[in-house]
Protein backbone atom coordinates (compact mmCIF):
# COMPACT_ATOMS: atom_id res chain seq x y z
CA UNK A 1 4.55 82.81 73.26
CA UNK A 2 6.34 80.13 71.35
CA UNK A 3 5.16 79.40 67.76
CA UNK A 4 3.11 76.23 67.47
CA UNK A 5 4.26 73.65 64.94
CA UNK A 6 1.82 71.82 62.69
CA UNK A 7 1.28 68.24 63.79
CA UNK A 8 1.00 65.32 61.44
CA UNK A 9 -2.54 64.28 60.84
CA UNK A 10 -3.65 60.80 61.99
CA UNK A 11 -6.79 59.04 60.86
CA UNK A 12 -9.12 57.35 63.27
CA UNK A 13 -7.36 53.98 62.72
CA UNK A 14 -4.24 55.51 64.24
CA UNK A 15 -2.28 55.33 60.98
CA UNK A 16 0.02 58.07 59.83
CA UNK A 17 -1.26 60.14 56.92
CA UNK A 18 1.55 61.94 55.11
CA UNK A 19 1.05 65.44 53.86
CA UNK A 20 0.09 65.65 50.20
CA UNK A 21 2.64 67.31 47.97
CA UNK A 22 1.48 70.28 46.06
CA UNK A 23 2.67 70.95 42.54
CA UNK A 24 2.20 69.83 38.93
CA UNK A 25 2.62 66.04 38.32
CA UNK A 26 4.77 65.11 35.28
CA UNK A 27 3.15 62.86 32.67
CA UNK A 28 5.28 59.93 31.37
CA UNK A 29 6.47 60.18 27.80
CA UNK A 30 4.51 58.30 25.20
CA UNK A 31 6.01 55.02 23.99
CA UNK A 32 7.67 55.36 20.61
CA UNK A 33 5.88 53.80 17.63
CA UNK A 34 2.85 53.13 19.78
CA UNK A 35 -0.39 52.40 18.03
CA UNK A 36 -3.31 54.51 18.91
CA UNK A 37 -6.63 53.10 19.92
CA UNK A 38 -8.10 51.03 17.13
CA UNK A 39 -11.21 52.59 15.82
CA UNK A 40 -13.95 50.13 14.96
CA UNK A 41 -15.48 50.55 11.57
CA UNK A 42 -19.16 51.25 11.72
CA UNK A 43 -21.21 48.10 11.07
CA UNK A 44 -24.10 48.00 8.73
CA UNK A 45 -27.18 47.18 10.79
CA UNK A 46 -28.69 45.35 7.81
CA UNK A 47 -26.12 42.55 8.15
CA UNK A 48 -26.98 40.44 11.15
CA UNK A 49 -24.74 37.84 12.79
CA UNK A 50 -26.05 34.35 12.25
CA UNK A 51 -23.65 31.89 13.96
CA UNK A 52 -24.12 28.30 12.78
CA UNK A 53 -24.53 25.36 15.10
CA UNK A 54 -23.06 22.12 13.74
CA UNK A 55 -24.64 19.89 16.38
CA UNK A 56 -26.75 16.84 15.53
CA UNK A 57 -29.92 17.87 13.75
CA UNK A 58 -28.86 21.51 13.50
CA UNK A 59 -27.23 23.39 10.62
CA UNK A 60 -25.86 21.72 7.48
CA UNK A 61 -22.35 20.35 8.04
CA UNK A 62 -19.40 21.90 6.18
CA UNK A 63 -18.07 19.85 3.22
CA UNK A 64 -15.45 17.29 4.26
CA UNK A 65 -14.16 13.85 3.26
CA UNK A 66 -16.82 11.36 4.37
CA UNK A 67 -15.42 8.29 2.59
CA UNK A 68 -14.85 6.64 5.99
CA UNK A 69 -18.61 6.64 6.62
CA UNK A 70 -19.71 5.56 3.12
CA UNK A 71 -21.59 2.29 2.87
CA UNK A 72 -19.54 0.72 0.10
CA UNK A 73 -20.84 -2.00 -2.24
CA UNK A 74 -20.41 -5.57 -1.10
CA UNK A 75 -17.65 -6.43 -3.59
CA UNK A 76 -15.58 -3.46 -2.38
CA UNK A 77 -15.99 -4.49 1.27
CA UNK A 78 -15.10 -8.10 0.48
CA UNK A 79 -11.92 -7.27 -1.40
CA UNK A 80 -10.80 -4.90 1.38
CA UNK A 81 -11.51 -7.50 4.07
CA UNK A 82 -9.61 -10.09 2.05
CA UNK A 83 -6.51 -7.86 1.94
CA UNK A 84 -6.68 -7.23 5.70
CA UNK A 85 -7.16 -10.94 6.49
CA UNK A 86 -4.15 -11.86 4.35
CA UNK A 87 -2.10 -9.41 6.41
CA UNK A 88 -3.37 -10.52 9.84
CA UNK A 89 -3.64 -14.32 9.57
CA UNK A 90 -0.75 -16.74 9.08
CA UNK A 91 -0.66 -17.61 5.38
CA UNK A 92 0.89 -20.96 4.33
CA UNK A 93 3.87 -20.86 1.94
CA UNK A 94 1.92 -22.28 -1.02
CA UNK A 95 -0.32 -19.19 -1.02
CA UNK A 96 2.17 -16.68 0.41
CA UNK A 97 4.48 -17.16 -2.60
CA UNK A 98 2.00 -15.25 -4.79
CA UNK A 99 2.84 -12.06 -2.88
CA UNK A 100 6.37 -12.25 -4.34
CA UNK A 101 5.61 -10.71 -7.75
CA UNK A 102 7.96 -9.64 -10.50
CA UNK A 103 9.48 -6.15 -10.19
CA UNK A 104 8.14 -3.38 -12.41
CA UNK A 105 11.10 -3.04 -14.80
CA UNK A 106 11.33 -6.77 -15.52
CA UNK A 107 7.54 -7.02 -15.91
CA UNK A 108 7.60 -4.14 -18.42
CA UNK A 109 10.27 -5.88 -20.49
CA UNK A 110 8.34 -9.15 -20.27
CA UNK A 111 5.11 -7.69 -21.64
CA UNK A 112 7.01 -5.80 -24.35
CA UNK A 113 8.29 -9.15 -25.59
CA UNK A 114 4.95 -10.95 -25.23
CA UNK A 115 3.12 -8.17 -27.10
CA UNK A 116 5.09 -9.12 -30.22
CA UNK A 117 3.56 -12.61 -30.04
CA UNK A 118 -0.06 -11.78 -29.26
CA UNK A 119 -2.56 -14.25 -30.72
CA UNK A 120 -4.60 -12.81 -33.56
CA UNK A 121 -7.90 -11.20 -32.69
CA UNK A 122 -11.24 -12.07 -34.27
CA UNK A 123 -10.96 -9.15 -36.70
CA UNK A 124 -7.43 -10.14 -37.75
CA UNK A 125 -8.48 -13.76 -38.23
CA UNK A 126 -11.49 -12.70 -40.33
CA UNK A 127 -9.29 -10.47 -42.51
CA UNK A 128 -6.78 -13.29 -43.02
CA UNK A 129 -9.46 -15.81 -43.97
CA UNK A 130 -11.11 -13.31 -46.33
CA UNK A 131 -7.78 -12.68 -48.05
CA UNK A 132 -7.15 -16.43 -48.36
CA UNK A 133 -10.65 -16.98 -49.80
CA UNK A 134 -10.13 -14.18 -52.30
CA UNK A 135 -6.83 -15.72 -53.43
CA UNK A 136 -8.53 -19.09 -53.92
CA UNK A 137 -11.35 -17.43 -55.88
CA UNK A 138 -8.80 -15.74 -58.14
CA UNK A 139 -7.13 -19.09 -58.79
CA UNK A 140 -4.05 -18.48 -56.67
CA UNK A 141 -2.71 -21.22 -54.43
CA UNK A 142 -3.17 -20.32 -50.75
CA UNK A 143 -0.05 -21.08 -48.74
CA UNK A 144 -0.14 -20.67 -44.98
CA UNK A 145 3.65 -20.55 -44.79
CA UNK A 146 4.24 -18.25 -47.74
CA UNK A 147 6.54 -15.98 -45.73
CA UNK A 148 8.65 -18.92 -44.60
CA UNK A 149 8.16 -18.14 -40.89
CA UNK A 150 6.33 -20.33 -38.42
CA UNK A 151 3.46 -18.44 -36.73
CA UNK A 152 4.48 -18.05 -33.09
CA UNK A 153 1.89 -16.99 -30.55
CA UNK A 154 1.48 -16.77 -26.78
CA UNK A 155 -0.39 -19.81 -25.47
CA UNK A 156 -3.12 -19.34 -22.85
CA UNK A 157 -5.83 -21.35 -21.15
CA UNK A 158 -5.18 -23.26 -17.94
CA UNK A 159 -5.58 -26.82 -19.25
CA UNK A 160 -3.59 -26.08 -22.41
CA UNK A 161 -0.74 -24.49 -20.44
CA UNK A 162 -0.62 -27.36 -17.92
CA UNK A 163 -0.33 -29.88 -20.77
CA UNK A 164 2.54 -27.89 -22.35
CA UNK A 165 4.36 -27.59 -19.00
CA UNK A 166 4.04 -31.32 -18.35
CA UNK A 167 5.44 -31.98 -21.83
CA UNK A 168 8.32 -29.53 -21.09
CA UNK A 169 7.46 -27.48 -24.18
CA UNK A 170 7.25 -24.11 -22.40
CA UNK A 171 10.14 -21.63 -22.48
CA UNK A 172 8.64 -19.22 -19.91
CA UNK A 173 5.39 -19.36 -17.91
CA UNK A 174 3.57 -16.24 -16.66
CA UNK A 175 1.18 -16.76 -13.70
CA UNK A 176 -1.23 -14.14 -12.28
CA UNK A 177 -1.15 -13.47 -8.53
CA UNK A 178 -4.75 -12.27 -8.09
CA UNK A 179 -6.63 -15.32 -9.41
CA UNK A 180 -9.81 -16.05 -7.48
CA UNK A 181 -10.14 -18.81 -6.34
CA UNK A 182 -6.38 -19.18 -5.90
CA UNK A 183 -6.71 -23.00 -6.01
CA UNK A 184 -6.83 -22.76 -9.81
CA UNK A 185 -3.14 -21.85 -10.02
CA UNK A 186 -1.75 -22.73 -6.58
CA UNK A 187 -0.14 -25.91 -7.94
CA UNK A 188 1.51 -24.31 -10.99
CA UNK A 189 4.74 -23.06 -9.31
CA UNK A 190 5.38 -26.53 -7.85
CA UNK A 191 4.68 -28.14 -11.24
CA UNK A 192 7.08 -25.73 -12.98
CA UNK A 193 9.80 -26.45 -10.41
CA UNK A 194 9.33 -30.19 -10.83
CA UNK A 195 9.56 -29.96 -14.62
CA UNK A 196 12.40 -27.42 -14.55
CA UNK A 197 10.37 -24.82 -16.46
CA UNK A 198 11.12 -21.16 -15.58
CA UNK A 199 8.10 -19.21 -14.36
CA UNK A 200 7.27 -15.71 -13.12
CA UNK A 201 4.37 -14.33 -11.07
CA UNK A 202 2.86 -11.00 -12.15
CA UNK A 203 0.43 -8.82 -10.22
CA UNK A 204 -2.61 -8.67 -12.46
CA UNK A 205 -4.65 -11.25 -14.33
CA UNK A 206 -6.10 -8.35 -16.34
CA UNK A 207 -2.69 -7.57 -17.88
CA UNK A 208 -2.39 -11.19 -19.08
CA UNK A 209 -6.00 -11.04 -20.31
CA UNK A 210 -5.32 -7.88 -22.34
CA UNK A 211 -2.39 -9.71 -23.92
CA UNK A 212 -4.63 -12.48 -25.29
CA UNK A 213 -7.72 -10.33 -26.11
CA UNK A 214 -9.66 -11.42 -23.01
CA UNK A 215 -10.83 -9.64 -19.87
CA UNK A 216 -8.66 -11.79 -17.62
CA UNK A 217 -6.39 -14.81 -17.94
CA UNK A 218 -4.85 -16.87 -15.15
CA UNK A 219 -1.77 -18.11 -16.98
CA UNK A 220 0.06 -17.69 -20.28
CA UNK A 221 3.29 -19.07 -21.70
CA UNK A 222 5.58 -18.75 -24.66
CA UNK A 223 7.24 -21.69 -26.41
CA UNK A 224 9.54 -20.21 -29.02
CA UNK A 225 10.58 -16.78 -30.24
CA UNK A 226 12.12 -15.52 -33.43
CA UNK A 227 15.89 -15.27 -33.69
CA UNK A 228 15.91 -11.49 -33.13
CA UNK A 229 14.18 -11.91 -29.74
CA UNK A 230 16.20 -14.84 -28.39
CA UNK A 231 18.59 -12.65 -26.40
CA UNK A 232 15.75 -10.77 -24.71
CA UNK A 233 14.02 -14.05 -23.83
CA UNK A 234 17.28 -15.41 -22.38
CA UNK A 235 17.56 -12.35 -20.09
CA UNK A 236 13.99 -12.85 -18.86
CA UNK A 237 14.56 -16.58 -18.28
CA UNK A 238 17.70 -15.88 -16.24
CA UNK A 239 15.78 -13.32 -14.14
CA UNK A 240 12.97 -15.86 -13.61
CA UNK A 241 15.40 -18.54 -12.48
CA UNK A 242 17.18 -16.15 -10.09
CA UNK A 243 13.93 -14.93 -8.50
CA UNK A 244 11.92 -18.16 -8.36
CA UNK A 245 13.59 -21.47 -9.29
CA UNK A 246 16.84 -20.82 -7.41
CA UNK A 247 14.90 -19.71 -4.30
CA UNK A 248 12.61 -22.75 -4.23
CA UNK A 249 13.69 -23.90 -0.76
CA UNK A 250 13.33 -20.41 0.71
CA UNK A 251 9.89 -19.99 -0.87
CA UNK A 252 8.80 -23.40 0.45
CA UNK A 253 9.60 -22.41 4.05
CA UNK A 254 8.47 -18.78 4.08
CA UNK A 255 5.09 -18.17 5.74
CA UNK A 256 3.14 -14.99 5.10
CA UNK A 257 0.85 -12.74 7.11
CA UNK A 258 1.10 -12.23 10.85
CA UNK A 259 1.29 -8.42 10.57
CA UNK A 260 -0.64 -6.54 13.26
CA UNK A 261 -2.46 -3.27 12.66
CA UNK A 262 -0.99 0.09 13.60
CA UNK A 263 -3.39 0.38 16.53
CA UNK A 264 -2.37 -3.03 17.90
CA UNK A 265 1.33 -2.22 17.51
CA UNK A 266 0.86 1.02 19.45
CA UNK A 267 -1.02 -0.82 22.19
CA UNK A 268 1.73 -3.44 22.54
CA UNK A 269 4.44 -0.77 22.56
CA UNK A 270 2.56 1.09 25.31
CA UNK A 271 2.32 -2.08 27.42
CA UNK A 272 6.02 -2.80 26.94
CA UNK A 273 6.90 0.76 27.97
CA UNK A 274 4.82 0.48 31.17
CA UNK A 275 6.36 -2.91 31.98
CA UNK A 276 9.87 -1.48 31.54
CA UNK A 277 9.14 1.34 34.01
CA UNK A 278 7.92 -0.97 36.76
CA UNK A 279 10.62 -1.98 39.29
CA UNK A 280 11.77 -5.54 39.02
CA UNK A 281 11.21 -7.68 42.13
CA UNK A 282 14.44 -8.20 44.05
CA UNK A 283 15.16 -11.84 44.80
CA UNK A 284 15.52 -12.67 48.49
CA UNK A 285 19.07 -13.63 49.50
CA UNK A 286 19.67 -17.32 50.02
CA UNK A 287 19.96 -18.38 53.67
CA UNK A 288 23.54 -18.89 54.81
CA UNK A 289 24.22 -22.09 56.73
CA UNK A 290 26.04 -21.44 60.03
CA UNK A 291 28.39 -24.20 61.19
CA UNK A 292 27.94 -25.18 64.84
CA UNK A 293 31.06 -24.99 67.04
CA UNK A 294 32.23 -28.26 68.52
CA UNK A 295 32.07 -28.23 72.29
């Protein structure tokens, strides 16, 4: 009787089921430098998780810069709105010229010179008068010009300065750019140009005020200086003429303002980009006239 061979086993779906191999399966080698399973440190049950919810009316918000949401005092809001309006609106040349202030180095040299000719303060005047009274009491003759030098001081006060400019007695005029209302000094540059008096515009009325022992001052001028300071004054006068008097026609025609905000600029750039991507309409070809053949 012939030996029966083992048939392959089929499952009830009719699919072939291969015979399972017997033997020991080889395990793959472990990856080099592999990290083992991270063991979690045991947690203390006394410390509970308390996640915070920063929604409206929930937990206290973390500290952050909230200056954007601060309700500022009225004077702060007004001065900020004034700056923005001067940037957005078209500003006429008579007012726009006050944005062209003296550069920092020249302004520093200017105030160094003017500080030598500060008017005397109340304390200095009192000390001088007391000394003069003491000399008179002792029988000495009080002489105002005992040192032989003329007292030279910076002149201030709007009406006083205007009178000196009209009389052409000013060597250099200093005008503040942040005077409020600006109508107080808006005519001074034109007056100085008409009279041929050199002038400069500085940023702060407080710096002129500190020069003359006041909180603020709109305008100041100097008439004469001592011989040792004449060269320095000549340099400042030449700088004033180059920056202001020689550019009178340009200043008269230059309007200020008209600057859009960053958000508006981005919006316009976005519109221009979209318009550039759109296909341009193709013009229809002109009709060609056909000549009729003579019969």
